[in-house]
Amino acid sequence: MSMLQEIDYLPENLLALEANQLAAHLSGPTLIHLPGRRAQPLFVSVLMHGNETVGWEAIRTLLARYQGGQDLPRALSLFIGNVDAAAQGLRLLPGQPDYNRIWYGSEVAETPEHRVMEQVVERMRKRKPFASVDVHNNTGLNPHYACINRLDTRFFHLALLFSRTVVYFLRPKGVQSMAFADLCPSVTLECGKVGSAHGVEHARDYLEACLHLAEHPQHAVSHLDIDLFHTVAQVKISPLTSFGFSPGESDIVLAPDIDHFNFRELPAGTLFGWINGVGLDALDVRDEQGEAVAGDYFTIEEGQLCLHRSVMPSMLTKDLSVIRQDCLCYLMERYDSHLAQPVPNASGSG
């Protein structure tokens, strides 16, 4: 594991490189500070997961516009994360922690990578960032949406600049956006599948807009302008439980079109899959407090795994390795009770 590399210039020809070429030119996780007309920097993190290249592609195309000596509208601090995993097109390498689970508040066993993320936060705390944006792809059929970890007017506005679909969550812990929420308004962008030109363009245009923002709007967000969802549970498949999509071969056989459920409000009784000789303990379902709540959300009826109550899933995917490395999905509920009044500012500078 390399230590954090911190530089105040853009290495020559860096923007010409694909994500899988960065490891050959950067010694590891790299924090790059670039000046701009407004000194308070926009912080952007990319490649927290090595196979999610949209952030790097967006930054490449954005910064190329300013290569002719034109000043950035605002200073930019760019954190390029897991370049070693990106070299192999993987979310993370065997033996590595998930780079987006090891920031402050992490529940993952301590690793040298934790210290790298602590250094990033410490360096940026001194620079008083204007806003933080962490850019991701996902593998299932999901719309573009933004995630926040604070019910704060400034966070709402920063998210709405990307999409009217906004997800508020407190788990998983140890994510970049949660660590930076103590410093400034922060969001995570979910930009659809890898390789989508629309995802890259949307992220690039959003980052350009953030660089041009002079201040964060303070007025309350109308419930008419936002579709706000609250993540109420994370669903994992227990480590010793086998799963797949082929009938009869696994403890859990998932419904073949399961990724079509994302961002659909599903009724109780919706079929998620079939159970072979295991019980609900095959699922590890945790609420915001980390309590086991599988029975609140799922039921087994004549060998069928069904929803016990109406919820809206996100992040369902047919990629078995992602399900094992991360989770099966998140469960959400519509959440608009916090929009009537401006929310008092969270701690930290704006």
Protein backbone atom coordinates (compact mmCIF):
# COMPACT_ATOMS: atom_id res chain seq x y z
CA MET A 1 0.00 0.00 0.00
CA SER A 2 1.48 3.35 -1.08
CA MET A 3 1.29 6.44 1.09
CA LEU A 4 -0.73 9.43 -0.01
CA GLN A 5 0.89 11.41 -2.79
CA GLU A 6 0.03 15.13 -2.64
CA ILE A 7 0.95 17.59 -5.40
CA ASP A 8 -0.09 21.10 -6.45
CA TYR A 9 0.07 20.69 -10.21
CA LEU A 10 -1.44 18.49 -12.89
CA PRO A 11 1.20 16.01 -14.07
CA GLU A 12 2.03 16.35 -17.75
CA ASN A 13 -0.16 14.21 -20.01
CA LEU A 14 -2.17 12.85 -17.06
CA LEU A 15 -5.42 13.79 -18.80
CA ALA A 16 -4.43 11.65 -21.79
CA LEU A 17 -4.54 8.49 -19.66
CA GLU A 18 -7.38 6.05 -19.30
CA ALA A 19 -8.27 4.99 -15.76
CA ASN A 20 -6.46 1.66 -16.22
CA GLN A 21 -3.24 3.51 -17.14
CA LEU A 22 -3.05 5.76 -14.07
CA ALA A 23 -1.25 3.27 -11.79
CA ALA A 24 1.77 3.33 -14.10
CA HIS A 25 2.08 7.12 -13.64
CA LEU A 26 0.87 7.67 -10.06
CA SER A 27 2.46 5.87 -7.11
CA GLY A 28 -0.91 5.30 -5.43
CA PRO A 29 -3.79 7.41 -4.10
CA THR A 30 -3.09 10.98 -5.17
CA LEU A 31 -4.41 14.36 -4.00
CA ILE A 32 -3.96 17.13 -6.58
CA HIS A 33 -4.55 20.81 -5.74
CA LEU A 34 -5.19 23.22 -8.59
CA PRO A 35 -5.71 26.98 -8.20
CA GLY A 36 -8.79 28.89 -9.30
CA ARG A 37 -10.30 32.37 -9.22
CA ARG A 38 -12.15 31.52 -6.00
CA ALA A 39 -9.72 30.17 -3.44
CA GLN A 40 -12.06 27.91 -1.46
CA PRO A 41 -11.70 24.59 -3.29
CA LEU A 42 -14.21 22.17 -4.70
CA PHE A 43 -13.16 18.70 -3.55
CA VAL A 44 -13.80 15.88 -6.03
CA SER A 45 -13.00 12.21 -5.44
CA VAL A 46 -12.87 9.66 -8.26
CA LEU A 47 -12.04 5.96 -8.55
CA MET A 48 -12.99 5.08 -5.00
CA HIS A 49 -13.88 1.87 -6.79
CA GLY A 50 -11.42 0.96 -9.52
CA ASN A 51 -14.05 -0.23 -11.98
CA GLU A 52 -16.17 2.93 -11.71
CA THR A 53 -14.47 5.20 -14.21
CA VAL A 54 -17.12 7.89 -14.74
CA GLY A 55 -15.50 10.35 -12.32
CA TRP A 56 -12.09 10.17 -13.95
CA GLU A 57 -13.61 10.46 -17.44
CA ALA A 58 -15.64 13.49 -16.35
CA ILE A 59 -12.61 15.20 -14.81
CA ARG A 60 -10.49 14.47 -17.89
CA THR A 61 -12.95 16.15 -20.22
CA LEU A 62 -13.63 19.02 -17.81
CA LEU A 63 -9.99 19.94 -17.17
CA ALA A 64 -9.14 19.63 -20.86
CA ARG A 65 -11.28 22.75 -21.35
CA TYR A 66 -8.91 24.71 -19.12
CA GLN A 67 -5.61 23.50 -20.55
CA GLY A 68 -4.92 26.62 -22.60
CA GLY A 69 -3.94 28.70 -19.58
CA GLN A 70 -7.53 29.58 -18.68
CA ASP A 71 -8.09 29.82 -14.91
CA LEU A 72 -10.50 27.47 -13.19
CA PRO A 73 -13.51 29.38 -11.81
CA ARG A 74 -12.74 27.92 -8.39
CA ALA A 75 -9.80 26.02 -6.89
CA LEU A 76 -10.08 22.26 -7.29
CA SER A 77 -8.74 19.52 -5.04
CA LEU A 78 -8.91 16.20 -6.89
CA PHE A 79 -8.47 12.88 -5.08
CA ILE A 80 -7.73 9.92 -7.35
CA GLY A 81 -8.33 6.77 -5.31
CA ASN A 82 -7.76 3.11 -6.12
CA VAL A 83 -5.53 3.30 -9.19
CA ASP A 84 -4.19 -0.23 -8.59
CA ALA A 85 -7.68 -1.74 -8.81
CA ALA A 86 -8.45 0.52 -11.78
CA ALA A 87 -5.44 -0.96 -13.61
CA GLN A 88 -7.24 -4.31 -13.56
CA GLY A 89 -10.77 -2.96 -13.98
CA LEU A 90 -11.83 -4.21 -10.55
CA ARG A 91 -13.79 -2.59 -7.72
CA LEU A 92 -10.94 -3.54 -5.38
CA LEU A 93 -8.05 -5.99 -5.43
CA PRO A 94 -7.90 -9.16 -3.29
CA GLY A 95 -6.67 -8.14 0.16
CA GLN A 96 -7.66 -4.50 -0.29
CA PRO A 97 -10.43 -2.82 1.70
CA ASP A 98 -13.25 -1.06 -0.10
CA TYR A 99 -11.94 2.50 -0.50
CA ASN A 100 -15.42 3.90 0.16
CA ARG A 101 -15.84 2.13 3.52
CA ILE A 102 -12.64 3.26 5.29
CA TRP A 103 -13.18 6.97 5.97
CA TYR A 104 -14.01 8.42 9.40
CA GLY A 105 -16.61 6.32 11.19
CA SER A 106 -15.59 3.14 9.36
CA GLU A 107 -16.72 -0.21 10.71
CA VAL A 108 -14.05 -2.06 8.71
CA ALA A 109 -10.97 -3.42 10.48
CA GLU A 110 -8.12 -0.88 10.48
CA THR A 111 -5.78 -0.95 7.46
CA PRO A 112 -2.99 1.32 6.14
CA GLU A 113 -5.55 2.63 3.64
CA HIS A 114 -7.60 4.05 6.53
CA ARG A 115 -4.66 6.31 7.34
CA VAL A 116 -4.53 7.58 3.75
CA MET A 117 -8.16 8.67 3.96
CA GLU A 118 -7.53 10.32 7.34
CA GLN A 119 -4.69 12.29 5.73
CA VAL A 120 -6.97 13.43 2.91
CA VAL A 121 -9.53 14.73 5.41
CA GLU A 122 -6.84 16.44 7.51
CA ARG A 123 -5.32 18.17 4.48
CA MET A 124 -8.69 19.31 3.21
CA ARG A 125 -9.87 20.50 6.62
CA LYS A 126 -7.08 23.09 6.48
CA ARG A 127 -8.20 24.21 3.03
CA LYS A 128 -11.85 24.67 4.09
CA PRO A 129 -13.54 23.12 1.04
CA PHE A 130 -16.57 24.76 -0.52
CA ALA A 131 -18.23 21.44 -1.38
CA SER A 132 -17.36 17.77 -1.79
CA VAL A 133 -18.43 15.52 -4.67
CA ASP A 134 -17.71 11.77 -4.82
CA VAL A 135 -18.44 10.34 -8.28
CA HIS A 136 -19.55 6.73 -8.84
CA ASN A 137 -21.00 4.30 -11.34
CA ASN A 138 -23.27 1.41 -10.40
CA THR A 139 -23.96 -1.95 -12.03
CA GLY A 140 -27.74 -2.34 -12.00
CA LEU A 141 -30.51 -0.47 -13.79
CA ASN A 142 -30.56 2.71 -11.71
CA PRO A 143 -31.43 6.30 -12.63
CA HIS A 144 -28.88 9.04 -12.07
CA TYR A 145 -29.27 10.26 -8.51
CA ALA A 146 -27.41 12.01 -5.69
CA CYS A 147 -26.91 10.81 -2.12
CA ILE A 148 -26.60 12.94 1.02
CA ASN A 149 -25.90 12.14 4.67
CA ARG A 150 -27.26 15.34 6.24
CA LEU A 151 -30.78 16.77 6.12
CA ASP A 152 -29.46 20.26 5.49
CA THR A 153 -30.72 22.84 3.00
CA ARG A 154 -27.27 23.33 1.46
CA PHE A 155 -26.88 19.57 0.95
CA PHE A 156 -30.31 19.41 -0.70
CA HIS A 157 -29.44 22.15 -3.15
CA LEU A 158 -26.07 20.60 -4.00
CA ALA A 159 -27.82 17.28 -4.72
CA LEU A 160 -30.63 18.86 -6.76
CA LEU A 161 -28.08 20.45 -9.04
CA PHE A 162 -27.48 16.86 -10.26
CA SER A 163 -30.91 15.21 -10.01
CA ARG A 164 -34.33 15.65 -8.42
CA THR A 165 -33.92 12.07 -7.15
CA VAL A 166 -32.05 12.28 -3.84
CA VAL A 167 -31.26 9.50 -1.37
CA TYR A 168 -30.53 10.21 2.29
CA PHE A 169 -28.58 7.47 4.09
CA LEU A 170 -26.60 6.87 7.28
CA ARG A 171 -25.33 3.37 6.46
CA PRO A 172 -22.96 2.04 5.26
CA LYS A 173 -20.53 3.86 7.52
CA GLY A 174 -17.08 4.98 6.49
CA VAL A 175 -18.06 6.56 3.16
CA GLN A 176 -16.29 9.59 1.76
CA SER A 177 -19.37 11.83 1.66
CA MET A 178 -20.06 11.24 5.35
CA ALA A 179 -16.49 12.11 6.34
CA PHE A 180 -16.65 15.37 4.37
CA ALA A 181 -20.11 16.30 5.67
CA ASP A 182 -18.28 17.65 8.74
CA LEU A 183 -16.31 20.04 6.50
CA CYS A 184 -18.78 21.24 3.87
CA PRO A 185 -21.91 20.29 1.94
CA SER A 186 -21.15 16.92 0.37
CA VAL A 187 -22.82 14.58 -2.10
CA THR A 188 -22.26 11.23 -3.76
CA LEU A 189 -23.21 11.06 -7.43
CA GLU A 190 -24.52 7.80 -8.90
CA CYS A 191 -24.06 8.13 -12.65
CA GLY A 192 -25.45 4.88 -14.05
CA LYS A 193 -23.49 2.11 -15.68
CA VAL A 194 -19.81 2.20 -16.66
CA GLY A 195 -19.28 3.15 -20.28
CA SER A 196 -22.35 5.35 -20.58
CA ALA A 197 -21.45 8.57 -22.38
CA HIS A 198 -24.47 10.23 -20.78
CA GLY A 199 -23.10 9.45 -17.31
CA VAL A 200 -19.76 11.08 -18.13
CA GLU A 201 -21.40 14.15 -19.68
CA HIS A 202 -23.82 14.55 -16.77
CA ALA A 203 -21.02 14.32 -14.19
CA ARG A 204 -18.79 16.71 -16.17
CA ASP A 205 -21.55 19.31 -16.53
CA TYR A 206 -22.37 18.99 -12.83
CA LEU A 207 -18.76 19.51 -11.77
CA GLU A 208 -18.51 22.51 -14.11
CA ALA A 209 -21.62 23.98 -12.49
CA CYS A 210 -20.15 23.42 -9.01
CA LEU A 211 -16.96 25.22 -10.00
CA HIS A 212 -19.06 28.22 -11.04
CA LEU A 213 -21.19 28.33 -7.87
CA ALA A 214 -20.45 31.45 -5.81
CA GLU A 215 -22.34 30.30 -2.73
CA HIS A 216 -24.80 27.68 -1.50
CA PRO A 217 -28.49 28.62 -1.70
CA GLN A 218 -30.08 28.99 1.73
CA HIS A 219 -33.77 28.94 0.86
CA ALA A 220 -35.87 25.89 1.70
CA VAL A 221 -36.42 23.19 -0.90
CA SER A 222 -40.03 22.64 -1.96
CA HIS A 223 -41.32 19.07 -1.86
CA LEU A 224 -42.46 19.70 -5.44
CA ASP A 225 -38.85 19.99 -6.59
CA ILE A 226 -37.36 16.86 -5.03
CA ASP A 227 -37.99 13.13 -4.83
CA LEU A 228 -36.33 12.38 -1.50
CA PHE A 229 -35.84 8.81 -0.34
CA HIS A 230 -34.50 7.52 2.94
CA THR A 231 -32.41 4.35 3.04
CA VAL A 232 -33.93 2.28 5.85
CA ALA A 233 -31.97 -0.96 5.43
CA GLN A 234 -29.00 -2.56 3.71
CA VAL A 235 -29.45 -6.15 2.47
CA LYS A 236 -26.47 -8.49 2.29
CA ILE A 237 -26.36 -12.20 1.61
CA SER A 238 -24.73 -14.05 4.51
CA PRO A 239 -21.13 -15.11 3.76
CA LEU A 240 -21.77 -18.88 3.86
CA THR A 241 -24.93 -18.69 1.73
CA SER A 242 -24.62 -19.54 -1.97
CA PHE A 243 -26.64 -17.53 -4.46
CA GLY A 244 -27.12 -17.08 -8.18
CA PHE A 245 -29.70 -16.93 -10.95
CA SER A 246 -29.69 -20.56 -12.14
CA PRO A 247 -32.65 -22.55 -10.76
CA GLY A 248 -31.85 -25.21 -8.21
CA GLU A 249 -28.10 -24.57 -7.95
CA SER A 250 -27.89 -22.27 -4.92
CA ASP A 251 -29.28 -21.65 -1.44
CA ILE A 252 -30.89 -18.51 -2.88
CA VAL A 253 -31.97 -18.26 -6.51
CA LEU A 254 -32.59 -14.61 -7.32
CA ALA A 255 -35.39 -13.46 -9.61
CA PRO A 256 -33.98 -13.13 -13.17
CA ASP A 257 -35.18 -9.54 -13.64
CA ILE A 258 -34.35 -8.38 -10.12
CA ASP A 259 -32.39 -5.32 -11.30
CA HIS A 260 -35.59 -3.97 -12.88
CA PHE A 261 -36.94 -3.39 -9.35
CA ASN A 262 -34.58 -0.46 -8.68
CA PHE A 263 -36.35 2.79 -7.80
CA ARG A 264 -39.77 1.19 -8.08
CA GLU A 265 -42.09 1.31 -5.10
CA LEU A 266 -42.81 -2.39 -4.69
CA PRO A 267 -45.81 -3.80 -2.81
CA ALA A 268 -45.61 -6.37 -0.04
CA GLY A 269 -45.49 -9.84 -1.53
CA THR A 270 -43.14 -8.95 -4.40
CA LEU A 271 -41.05 -12.00 -5.33
CA PHE A 272 -37.29 -11.55 -4.88
CA GLY A 273 -36.30 -15.17 -5.45
CA TRP A 274 -36.49 -18.75 -4.24
CA ILE A 275 -35.05 -20.34 -1.09
CA ASN A 276 -33.54 -23.83 -1.05
CA GLY A 277 -33.17 -25.32 2.42
CA VAL A 278 -32.21 -22.11 4.23
CA GLY A 279 -34.10 -19.57 6.31
CA LEU A 280 -34.17 -15.80 6.63
CA ASP A 281 -30.79 -15.93 8.35
CA ALA A 282 -29.41 -16.39 4.81
CA LEU A 283 -29.97 -12.63 4.55
CA ASP A 284 -28.14 -10.08 6.69
CA VAL A 285 -30.49 -7.09 6.72
CA ARG A 286 -29.45 -4.13 8.89
CA ASP A 287 -31.28 -0.91 9.70
CA GLU A 288 -29.69 2.50 10.30
CA GLN A 289 -28.71 1.51 13.83
CA GLY A 290 -27.06 -1.70 12.60
CA GLU A 291 -29.80 -3.90 14.06
CA ALA A 292 -30.76 -7.14 12.29
CA VAL A 293 -34.21 -6.62 10.73
CA ALA A 294 -34.59 -9.30 8.04
CA GLY A 295 -38.01 -10.31 9.33
CA ASP A 296 -39.28 -6.72 9.05
CA TYR A 297 -38.66 -6.62 5.31
CA PHE A 298 -38.70 -10.20 4.00
CA THR A 299 -40.76 -13.34 4.42
CA ILE A 300 -40.51 -16.90 3.09
CA GLU A 301 -43.74 -18.30 1.68
CA GLU A 302 -43.69 -21.84 0.25
CA GLY A 303 -40.05 -21.55 -0.74
CA GLN A 304 -40.42 -18.06 -2.19
CA LEU A 305 -38.47 -15.08 -0.82
CA CYS A 306 -40.91 -12.16 -0.83
CA LEU A 307 -41.10 -8.62 0.48
CA HIS A 308 -42.91 -8.41 3.81
CA ARG A 309 -43.75 -4.73 3.36
CA SER A 310 -43.78 -2.08 0.65
CA VAL A 311 -40.34 -0.57 -0.04
CA MET A 312 -38.25 0.80 -2.90
CA PRO A 313 -34.93 -0.97 -3.63
CA SER A 314 -31.81 0.56 -5.11
CA MET A 315 -28.49 -0.90 -6.30
CA LEU A 316 -29.93 -4.30 -7.21
CA THR A 317 -27.57 -5.83 -9.75
CA LYS A 318 -27.02 -9.09 -11.62
CA ASP A 319 -23.26 -8.88 -11.03
CA LEU A 320 -22.63 -11.69 -8.52
CA SER A 321 -19.18 -10.41 -7.52
CA VAL A 322 -20.55 -6.97 -6.66
CA ILE A 323 -23.33 -8.58 -4.59
CA ARG A 324 -20.72 -10.54 -2.64
CA GLN A 325 -18.25 -7.67 -2.25
CA ASP A 326 -20.84 -5.01 -1.39
CA CYS A 327 -24.48 -5.97 -0.93
CA LEU A 328 -27.60 -7.22 -2.67
CA CYS A 329 -29.40 -3.89 -2.37
CA TYR A 330 -30.59 -1.03 -0.21
CA LEU A 331 -34.21 -0.58 0.79
CA MET A 332 -35.70 2.91 0.79
CA GLU A 333 -38.88 4.73 1.72
CA ARG A 334 -40.17 8.07 0.46
CA TYR A 335 -39.17 10.81 2.86
CA ASP A 336 -40.51 14.37 2.65
CA SER A 337 -41.30 15.35 6.24
CA HIS A 338 -38.03 17.32 6.54
CA LEU A 339 -38.65 19.64 3.61
CA ALA A 340 -41.20 22.07 5.04
CA GLN A 341 -38.67 24.20 6.90
CA PRO A 342 -35.08 25.20 6.15
CA VAL A 343 -32.89 22.82 8.11
CA PRO A 344 -30.39 24.48 10.48
CA ASN A 345 -26.88 24.36 9.07
CA ALA A 346 -24.84 21.34 10.02
CA SER A 347 -21.47 21.83 11.65
CA GLY A 348 -18.61 22.94 9.43
CA SER A 349 -17.94 25.84 7.12
CA GLY A 350 -20.05 26.50 4.06
